[in-house]
C-alpha atoms as a PDB file:
ATOM      1  CA  MET A   1     -63.707  65.094  33.832  1.00  0.00           C
ATOM      2  CA  THR A   2     -67.392  64.911  32.981  1.00  0.00           C
ATOM      3  CA  ALA A   3     -69.221  66.425  30.008  1.00  0.00           C
ATOM      4  CA  GLU A   4     -70.517  69.130  32.318  1.00  0.00           C
ATOM      5  CA  ASP A   5     -67.016  69.998  33.453  1.00  0.00           C
ATOM      6  CA  TYR A   6     -65.884  70.369  29.867  1.00  0.00           C
ATOM      7  CA  TYR A   7     -68.886  72.449  29.069  1.00  0.00           C
ATOM      8  CA  LYS A   8     -68.267  74.795  31.989  1.00  0.00           C
ATOM      9  CA  LEU A   9     -64.577  75.077  31.092  1.00  0.00           C
ATOM     10  CA  GLY A  10     -65.582  75.880  27.498  1.00  0.00           C
ATOM     11  CA  ASN A  11     -67.826  78.621  28.812  1.00  0.00           C
ATOM     12  CA  GLU A  12     -64.942  80.084  30.803  1.00  0.00           C
ATOM     13  CA  TYR A  13     -62.717  80.137  27.733  1.00  0.00           C
ATOM     14  CA  ARG A  14     -65.522  81.659  25.626  1.00  0.00           C
ATOM     15  CA  ARG A  15     -65.931  84.482  28.120  1.00  0.00           C
ATOM     16  CA  LYS A  16     -62.188  85.212  27.879  1.00  0.00           C
ATOM     17  CA  GLY A  17     -62.342  85.251  24.083  1.00  0.00           C
ATOM     18  CA  ASP A  18     -60.223  82.098  23.715  1.00  0.00           C
ATOM     19  CA  TRP A  19     -62.361  80.575  20.958  1.00  0.00           C
ATOM     20  CA  LYS A  20     -59.965  77.670  20.148  1.00  0.00           C
ATOM     21  CA  HIS A  21     -59.963  76.262  23.691  1.00  0.00           C
ATOM     22  CA  ALA A  22     -63.699  76.919  24.092  1.00  0.00           C
ATOM     23  CA  ILE A  23     -64.496  74.849  20.991  1.00  0.00           C
ATOM     24  CA  ASP A  24     -62.081  72.119  22.018  1.00  0.00           C
ATOM     25  CA  ASN A  25     -63.781  71.798  25.395  1.00  0.00           C
ATOM     26  CA  TYR A  26     -67.261  71.852  23.831  1.00  0.00           C
ATOM     27  CA  LEU A  27     -66.184  69.022  21.491  1.00  0.00           C
ATOM     28  CA  GLU A  28     -64.926  66.961  24.445  1.00  0.00           C
ATOM     29  CA  ALA A  29     -68.273  67.549  26.222  1.00  0.00           C
ATOM     30  CA  ILE A  30     -70.184  66.470  23.098  1.00  0.00           C
ATOM     31  CA  ALA A  31     -68.044  63.356  22.723  1.00  0.00           C
ATOM     32  CA  LEU A  32     -68.898  62.308  26.262  1.00  0.00           C
ATOM     33  CA  ASP A  33     -72.567  63.332  26.140  1.00  0.00           C
ATOM     34  CA  PRO A  34     -74.226  64.040  22.760  1.00  0.00           C
ATOM     35  CA  GLU A  35     -77.174  65.615  24.647  1.00  0.00           C
ATOM     36  CA  SER A  36     -74.918  68.147  26.408  1.00  0.00           C
ATOM     37  CA  PRO A  37     -75.736  71.877  26.239  1.00  0.00           C
ATOM     38  CA  ALA A  38     -72.303  72.145  24.616  1.00  0.00           C
ATOM     39  CA  VAL A  39     -73.981  71.151  21.323  1.00  0.00           C
ATOM     40  CA  GLU A  40     -75.899  74.451  21.274  1.00  0.00           C
ATOM     41  CA  ALA A  41     -72.933  76.450  22.571  1.00  0.00           C
ATOM     42  CA  LYS A  42     -70.673  75.064  19.808  1.00  0.00           C
ATOM     43  CA  GLN A  43     -73.346  75.712  17.177  1.00  0.00           C
ATOM     44  CA  MET A  44     -73.582  79.339  18.341  1.00  0.00           C
ATOM     45  CA  LEU A  45     -69.835  79.723  17.945  1.00  0.00           C
ATOM     46  CA  ASP A  46     -69.933  78.061  14.531  1.00  0.00           C
ATOM     47  CA  ASP A  47     -72.693  80.451  13.443  1.00  0.00           C
ATOM     48  CA  MET A  48     -70.755  83.432  14.743  1.00  0.00           C
ATOM     49  CA  PHE A  49     -67.650  82.462  12.781  1.00  0.00           C
ATOM     50  CA  ALA A  50     -69.645  81.640   9.647  1.00  0.00           C
ATOM     51  CA  PHE A  51     -71.373  84.998   9.604  1.00  0.00           C
ATOM     52  CA  TYR A  52     -70.355  87.147   6.676  1.00  0.00           C
ATOM     53  CA  CYS A  53     -72.089  90.242   5.366  1.00  0.00           C
ATOM     54  CA  LYS A  54     -70.429  91.704   2.322  1.00  0.00           C
ATOM     55  CA  ASP A  55     -72.203  94.991   2.844  1.00  0.00           C
ATOM     56  CA  MET A  56     -70.497  95.484   6.224  1.00  0.00           C
ATOM     57  CA  TYR A  57     -67.079  95.160   4.577  1.00  0.00           C
ATOM     58  CA  ASN A  58     -67.772  96.968   1.281  1.00  0.00           C
ATOM     59  CA  PRO A  59     -70.107  99.868   1.930  1.00  0.00           C
END
C-alpha cells in the first residue's frame, strides 16, 4: 500500500469513530511519506484528544 492508501484508510476509520485504527494508518502513511497530509490529520486527532477544559467538567 502507498502512503495515500493508508491516509485514505485512516480517514475512513476516523469517520467511523475508530480512532485507534485511524491513528495507526496515519502513522503508516507518515512513515512512508513524511510530507503526507496524514501529518496534519494525525495532529488534529492529537489536539482533539489533548483538549481538556476543567470548566466543562466542573461547572
